[in-house]
Amino acid sequence: MFGSVSTPDLSSITDEDKNHVYDPSEDTFLLLDTLEHDSQLIISKKPTLILEIGCGSGIVSVFSAKVLDAHSPAFIMCTDINKHAANVAQRVSQTNGQSLEIVVTDLVKHEL
């Protein structure tokens, strides 16, 4: 590991946001712990693209950006069907000084 990566600042998430967006919970923080534990391996792979589907608050994408920061810059895209979640993810990324490409989309729905 290259050192400890701080948990993203979630202070921009309001109580109203929590009514519309999945509030990071134990499963989220377990994933962050795993990403941090495997950070050296992830960095060694030099990823050029990180894609998170169903980003919610954006905490996982922001944390991934922080892990890779300066070691292996990657294009980080996250998607959500929920417009409110996309707005929250954008605020969380800005609060943490990270750049994410956030797309509102339904990846399952097909128009015929």
N, C-alpha and C. Protein backbone atom coordinates (compact mmCIF):
# COMPACT_ATOMS: atom_id res chain seq x y z
N MET A 1 0.84 -1.17 0.00
CA MET A 1 0.00 0.00 0.00
C MET A 1 0.89 1.24 0.00
N PHE A 2 0.45 2.31 -0.64
CA PHE A 2 1.20 3.55 -0.75
C PHE A 2 0.90 4.49 0.40
N GLY A 3 0.22 4.06 1.38
CA GLY A 3 -0.15 4.91 2.50
C GLY A 3 -1.66 4.96 2.62
N SER A 4 -2.07 5.54 3.69
CA SER A 4 -3.49 5.60 3.98
C SER A 4 -4.19 6.61 3.06
N VAL A 5 -5.34 6.23 2.58
CA VAL A 5 -6.18 7.11 1.76
C VAL A 5 -7.35 7.54 2.63
N SER A 6 -7.56 8.84 2.74
CA SER A 6 -8.63 9.31 3.61
C SER A 6 -10.00 9.04 2.98
N THR A 7 -10.95 8.76 3.85
CA THR A 7 -12.33 8.58 3.41
C THR A 7 -12.83 9.89 2.83
N PRO A 8 -13.50 9.86 1.70
CA PRO A 8 -14.00 11.11 1.12
C PRO A 8 -14.88 11.90 2.09
N ASP A 9 -14.76 13.21 1.99
CA ASP A 9 -15.56 14.13 2.78
C ASP A 9 -17.00 14.10 2.24
N LEU A 10 -17.93 13.75 3.08
CA LEU A 10 -19.34 13.65 2.68
C LEU A 10 -20.18 14.78 3.25
N SER A 11 -19.52 15.85 3.69
CA SER A 11 -20.25 16.94 4.35
C SER A 11 -21.22 17.67 3.43
N SER A 12 -21.07 17.50 2.12
CA SER A 12 -21.98 18.17 1.19
C SER A 12 -23.31 17.42 1.03
N ILE A 13 -23.41 16.22 1.61
CA ILE A 13 -24.66 15.46 1.54
C ILE A 13 -25.60 15.95 2.63
N THR A 14 -26.76 16.42 2.21
CA THR A 14 -27.74 16.98 3.15
C THR A 14 -28.71 15.90 3.62
N ASP A 15 -29.47 16.21 4.65
CA ASP A 15 -30.51 15.29 5.11
C ASP A 15 -31.54 15.05 4.01
N GLU A 16 -31.85 16.08 3.23
CA GLU A 16 -32.78 15.93 2.11
C GLU A 16 -32.21 14.96 1.07
N ASP A 17 -30.90 15.06 0.80
CA ASP A 17 -30.26 14.14 -0.15
C ASP A 17 -30.45 12.69 0.31
N LYS A 18 -30.35 12.48 1.60
CA LYS A 18 -30.45 11.12 2.14
C LYS A 18 -31.84 10.51 1.92
N ASN A 19 -32.83 11.35 1.64
CA ASN A 19 -34.16 10.84 1.31
C ASN A 19 -34.24 10.30 -0.11
N HIS A 20 -33.24 10.64 -0.94
CA HIS A 20 -33.29 10.29 -2.36
C HIS A 20 -32.12 9.46 -2.85
N VAL A 21 -31.07 9.37 -2.04
CA VAL A 21 -29.82 8.73 -2.47
C VAL A 21 -29.39 7.75 -1.39
N TYR A 22 -28.86 6.59 -1.83
CA TYR A 22 -28.36 5.59 -0.88
C TYR A 22 -27.28 6.21 0.01
N ASP A 23 -27.50 6.16 1.29
CA ASP A 23 -26.55 6.70 2.26
C ASP A 23 -25.42 5.68 2.45
N PRO A 24 -24.17 6.09 2.24
CA PRO A 24 -23.07 5.13 2.41
C PRO A 24 -23.19 4.41 3.75
N SER A 25 -23.04 3.09 3.69
CA SER A 25 -23.25 2.25 4.85
C SER A 25 -22.10 1.27 5.01
N GLU A 26 -22.29 0.26 5.84
CA GLU A 26 -21.21 -0.70 6.13
C GLU A 26 -20.66 -1.35 4.87
N ASP A 27 -21.54 -1.70 3.92
CA ASP A 27 -21.07 -2.34 2.69
C ASP A 27 -20.18 -1.40 1.88
N THR A 28 -20.54 -0.13 1.87
CA THR A 28 -19.74 0.87 1.16
C THR A 28 -18.35 0.97 1.77
N PHE A 29 -18.30 1.06 3.09
CA PHE A 29 -17.01 1.24 3.76
C PHE A 29 -16.16 -0.03 3.70
N LEU A 30 -16.80 -1.19 3.64
CA LEU A 30 -16.06 -2.43 3.44
C LEU A 30 -15.38 -2.42 2.06
N LEU A 31 -16.10 -1.95 1.04
CA LEU A 31 -15.51 -1.84 -0.30
C LEU A 31 -14.35 -0.85 -0.29
N LEU A 32 -14.50 0.29 0.38
CA LEU A 32 -13.40 1.26 0.46
C LEU A 32 -12.18 0.64 1.14
N ASP A 33 -12.39 -0.11 2.20
CA ASP A 33 -11.28 -0.78 2.89
C ASP A 33 -10.57 -1.76 1.96
N THR A 34 -11.35 -2.47 1.15
CA THR A 34 -10.77 -3.43 0.21
C THR A 34 -9.98 -2.71 -0.87
N LEU A 35 -10.52 -1.62 -1.40
CA LEU A 35 -9.80 -0.84 -2.41
C LEU A 35 -8.48 -0.31 -1.85
N GLU A 36 -8.53 0.16 -0.62
CA GLU A 36 -7.31 0.67 0.01
C GLU A 36 -6.30 -0.47 0.22
N HIS A 37 -6.77 -1.60 0.69
CA HIS A 37 -5.89 -2.75 0.92
C HIS A 37 -5.21 -3.19 -0.37
N ASP A 38 -5.96 -3.15 -1.48
CA ASP A 38 -5.44 -3.59 -2.78
C ASP A 38 -4.91 -2.45 -3.63
N SER A 39 -4.69 -1.28 -3.04
CA SER A 39 -4.31 -0.10 -3.81
C SER A 39 -3.01 -0.29 -4.59
N GLN A 40 -2.03 -0.94 -4.02
CA GLN A 40 -0.77 -1.14 -4.73
C GLN A 40 -1.00 -1.98 -6.00
N LEU A 41 -1.77 -3.04 -5.88
CA LEU A 41 -2.09 -3.87 -7.04
C LEU A 41 -2.86 -3.08 -8.09
N ILE A 42 -3.86 -2.32 -7.65
CA ILE A 42 -4.67 -1.52 -8.58
C ILE A 42 -3.78 -0.52 -9.31
N ILE A 43 -2.93 0.17 -8.59
CA ILE A 43 -2.03 1.16 -9.21
C ILE A 43 -1.08 0.49 -10.19
N SER A 44 -0.59 -0.70 -9.84
CA SER A 44 0.36 -1.40 -10.71
C SER A 44 -0.26 -1.79 -12.05
N LYS A 45 -1.58 -1.93 -12.10
CA LYS A 45 -2.27 -2.28 -13.34
C LYS A 45 -2.45 -1.07 -14.26
N LYS A 46 -2.19 0.12 -13.75
CA LYS A 46 -2.30 1.37 -14.50
C LYS A 46 -3.62 1.49 -15.25
N PRO A 47 -4.72 1.42 -14.52
CA PRO A 47 -6.01 1.51 -15.20
C PRO A 47 -6.18 2.87 -15.88
N THR A 48 -6.81 2.86 -17.03
CA THR A 48 -7.09 4.11 -17.74
C THR A 48 -8.56 4.51 -17.63
N LEU A 49 -9.38 3.56 -17.21
CA LEU A 49 -10.81 3.81 -17.07
C LEU A 49 -11.34 3.10 -15.84
N ILE A 50 -12.09 3.84 -15.04
CA ILE A 50 -12.83 3.28 -13.91
C ILE A 50 -14.30 3.60 -14.18
N LEU A 51 -15.17 2.59 -14.12
CA LEU A 51 -16.59 2.78 -14.34
C LEU A 51 -17.36 2.24 -13.15
N GLU A 52 -18.14 3.10 -12.53
CA GLU A 52 -19.01 2.68 -11.44
C GLU A 52 -20.46 2.81 -11.91
N ILE A 53 -21.19 1.73 -11.84
CA ILE A 53 -22.59 1.71 -12.24
C ILE A 53 -23.45 1.76 -10.98
N GLY A 54 -24.32 2.75 -10.90
CA GLY A 54 -25.13 2.93 -9.69
C GLY A 54 -24.32 3.62 -8.62
N CYS A 55 -23.82 4.81 -8.91
CA CYS A 55 -22.84 5.48 -8.03
C CYS A 55 -23.42 6.05 -6.75
N GLY A 56 -24.72 6.29 -6.70
CA GLY A 56 -25.29 6.87 -5.48
C GLY A 56 -24.60 8.17 -5.13
N SER A 57 -23.99 8.23 -3.98
CA SER A 57 -23.32 9.45 -3.51
C SER A 57 -22.00 9.72 -4.22
N GLY A 58 -21.47 8.74 -4.92
CA GLY A 58 -20.19 8.90 -5.60
C GLY A 58 -18.98 8.60 -4.75
N ILE A 59 -19.20 8.15 -3.52
CA ILE A 59 -18.09 7.94 -2.59
C ILE A 59 -17.08 6.91 -3.12
N VAL A 60 -17.53 5.86 -3.77
CA VAL A 60 -16.60 4.83 -4.26
C VAL A 60 -15.76 5.38 -5.41
N SER A 61 -16.38 6.11 -6.33
CA SER A 61 -15.63 6.70 -7.44
C SER A 61 -14.63 7.74 -6.94
N VAL A 62 -15.05 8.57 -6.00
CA VAL A 62 -14.15 9.58 -5.44
C VAL A 62 -12.98 8.90 -4.73
N PHE A 63 -13.26 7.86 -3.96
CA PHE A 63 -12.20 7.14 -3.26
C PHE A 63 -11.25 6.51 -4.26
N SER A 64 -11.79 5.93 -5.33
CA SER A 64 -10.94 5.33 -6.37
C SER A 64 -10.03 6.38 -6.99
N ALA A 65 -10.57 7.56 -7.24
CA ALA A 65 -9.77 8.66 -7.80
C ALA A 65 -8.65 9.03 -6.83
N LYS A 66 -8.95 9.05 -5.54
CA LYS A 66 -7.93 9.39 -4.54
C LYS A 66 -6.84 8.32 -4.47
N VAL A 67 -7.22 7.05 -4.61
CA VAL A 67 -6.25 5.96 -4.60
C VAL A 67 -5.30 6.12 -5.78
N LEU A 68 -5.85 6.43 -6.95
CA LEU A 68 -5.05 6.51 -8.17
C LEU A 68 -4.33 7.84 -8.32
N ASP A 69 -4.79 8.86 -7.64
CA ASP A 69 -4.27 10.22 -7.78
C ASP A 69 -2.74 10.24 -7.84
N ALA A 70 -2.22 10.81 -8.90
CA ALA A 70 -0.78 11.01 -9.13
C ALA A 70 -0.03 9.73 -9.49
N HIS A 71 -0.56 8.57 -9.18
CA HIS A 71 0.13 7.32 -9.50
C HIS A 71 -0.25 6.83 -10.89
N SER A 72 -1.52 6.90 -11.19
CA SER A 72 -2.02 6.37 -12.45
C SER A 72 -3.32 7.08 -12.79
N PRO A 73 -3.22 8.31 -13.31
CA PRO A 73 -4.45 9.05 -13.59
C PRO A 73 -5.36 8.27 -14.55
N ALA A 74 -6.60 8.18 -14.20
CA ALA A 74 -7.58 7.43 -15.00
C ALA A 74 -8.81 8.29 -15.25
N PHE A 75 -9.50 7.99 -16.32
CA PHE A 75 -10.79 8.62 -16.59
C PHE A 75 -11.80 7.88 -15.73
N ILE A 76 -12.48 8.61 -14.87
CA ILE A 76 -13.41 7.97 -13.94
C ILE A 76 -14.83 8.41 -14.29
N MET A 77 -15.64 7.42 -14.66
CA MET A 77 -17.02 7.67 -15.04
C MET A 77 -17.93 6.92 -14.08
N CYS A 78 -18.98 7.58 -13.67
CA CYS A 78 -19.96 6.89 -12.85
C CYS A 78 -21.34 7.21 -13.38
N THR A 79 -22.23 6.24 -13.24
CA THR A 79 -23.58 6.38 -13.76
C THR A 79 -24.60 6.12 -12.65
N ASP A 80 -25.74 6.71 -12.84
CA ASP A 80 -26.87 6.40 -11.96
C ASP A 80 -28.15 6.74 -12.72
N ILE A 81 -29.19 6.03 -12.44
CA ILE A 81 -30.50 6.30 -13.04
C ILE A 81 -31.17 7.48 -12.35
N ASN A 82 -30.70 7.79 -11.16
CA ASN A 82 -31.28 8.81 -10.29
C ASN A 82 -30.57 10.15 -10.50
N LYS A 83 -31.30 11.16 -11.02
CA LYS A 83 -30.71 12.49 -11.25
C LYS A 83 -30.22 13.12 -9.96
N HIS A 84 -30.95 12.87 -8.89
CA HIS A 84 -30.55 13.43 -7.59
C HIS A 84 -29.20 12.84 -7.17
N ALA A 85 -29.03 11.55 -7.39
CA ALA A 85 -27.76 10.90 -7.05
C ALA A 85 -26.62 11.50 -7.87
N ALA A 86 -26.86 11.75 -9.13
CA ALA A 86 -25.83 12.35 -9.98
C ALA A 86 -25.42 13.72 -9.45
N ASN A 87 -26.39 14.51 -9.01
CA ASN A 87 -26.08 15.82 -8.43
C ASN A 87 -25.27 15.69 -7.15
N VAL A 88 -25.65 14.73 -6.30
CA VAL A 88 -24.92 14.51 -5.06
C VAL A 88 -23.49 14.05 -5.36
N ALA A 89 -23.34 13.12 -6.28
CA ALA A 89 -22.01 12.62 -6.65
C ALA A 89 -21.13 13.76 -7.16
N GLN A 90 -21.72 14.67 -7.94
CA GLN A 90 -20.97 15.83 -8.44
C GLN A 90 -20.49 16.70 -7.29
N ARG A 91 -21.38 16.96 -6.33
CA ARG A 91 -20.99 17.78 -5.17
C ARG A 91 -19.91 17.10 -4.35
N VAL A 92 -20.06 15.79 -4.12
CA VAL A 92 -19.06 15.04 -3.34
C VAL A 92 -17.71 15.07 -4.06
N SER A 93 -17.71 14.91 -5.37
CA SER A 93 -16.44 14.95 -6.10
C SER A 93 -15.79 16.32 -6.00
N GLN A 94 -16.58 17.39 -6.12
CA GLN A 94 -16.04 18.74 -6.02
C GLN A 94 -15.52 19.02 -4.61
N THR A 95 -16.26 18.59 -3.60
CA THR A 95 -15.82 18.79 -2.21
C THR A 95 -14.48 18.13 -1.97
N ASN A 96 -14.22 17.02 -2.66
CA ASN A 96 -12.99 16.26 -2.46
C ASN A 96 -11.91 16.57 -3.50
N GLY A 97 -12.16 17.56 -4.35
CA GLY A 97 -11.16 17.98 -5.33
C GLY A 97 -10.88 16.93 -6.40
N GLN A 98 -11.87 16.13 -6.72
CA GLN A 98 -11.71 15.09 -7.74
C GLN A 98 -12.62 15.39 -8.92
N SER A 99 -12.24 14.88 -10.07
CA SER A 99 -13.01 15.08 -11.29
C SER A 99 -13.61 13.76 -11.74
N LEU A 100 -14.93 13.73 -11.83
CA LEU A 100 -15.64 12.54 -12.29
C LEU A 100 -16.52 12.92 -13.46
N GLU A 101 -16.68 12.01 -14.38
CA GLU A 101 -17.67 12.16 -15.45
C GLU A 101 -18.91 11.41 -14.97
N ILE A 102 -20.00 12.15 -14.75
CA ILE A 102 -21.20 11.55 -14.19
C ILE A 102 -22.30 11.56 -15.25
N VAL A 103 -22.88 10.39 -15.49
CA VAL A 103 -23.89 10.24 -16.54
C VAL A 103 -25.17 9.69 -15.92
N VAL A 104 -26.27 10.36 -16.19
CA VAL A 104 -27.58 9.86 -15.76
C VAL A 104 -28.09 8.97 -16.88
N THR A 105 -28.28 7.69 -16.57
CA THR A 105 -28.72 6.75 -17.59
C THR A 105 -29.34 5.52 -16.95
N ASP A 106 -30.18 4.87 -17.72
CA ASP A 106 -30.73 3.57 -17.36
C ASP A 106 -30.07 2.57 -18.30
N LEU A 107 -29.12 1.82 -17.81
CA LEU A 107 -28.36 0.91 -18.65
C LEU A 107 -29.13 -0.35 -19.02
N VAL A 108 -30.29 -0.55 -18.42
CA VAL A 108 -31.05 -1.77 -18.67
C VAL A 108 -32.19 -1.53 -19.63
N LYS A 109 -32.79 -0.38 -19.56
CA LYS A 109 -33.96 -0.08 -20.39
C LYS A 109 -33.55 0.06 -21.87
N HIS A 110 -34.29 -0.62 -22.71
CA HIS A 110 -34.04 -0.55 -24.15
C HIS A 110 -35.26 0.03 -24.85
N GLU A 111 -35.03 1.02 -25.65
CA GLU A 111 -36.11 1.59 -26.45
C GLU A 111 -36.15 0.82 -27.76
N LEU A 112 -37.33 0.32 -28.12
CA LEU A 112 -37.49 -0.40 -29.39
C LEU A 112 -38.20 0.46 -30.40
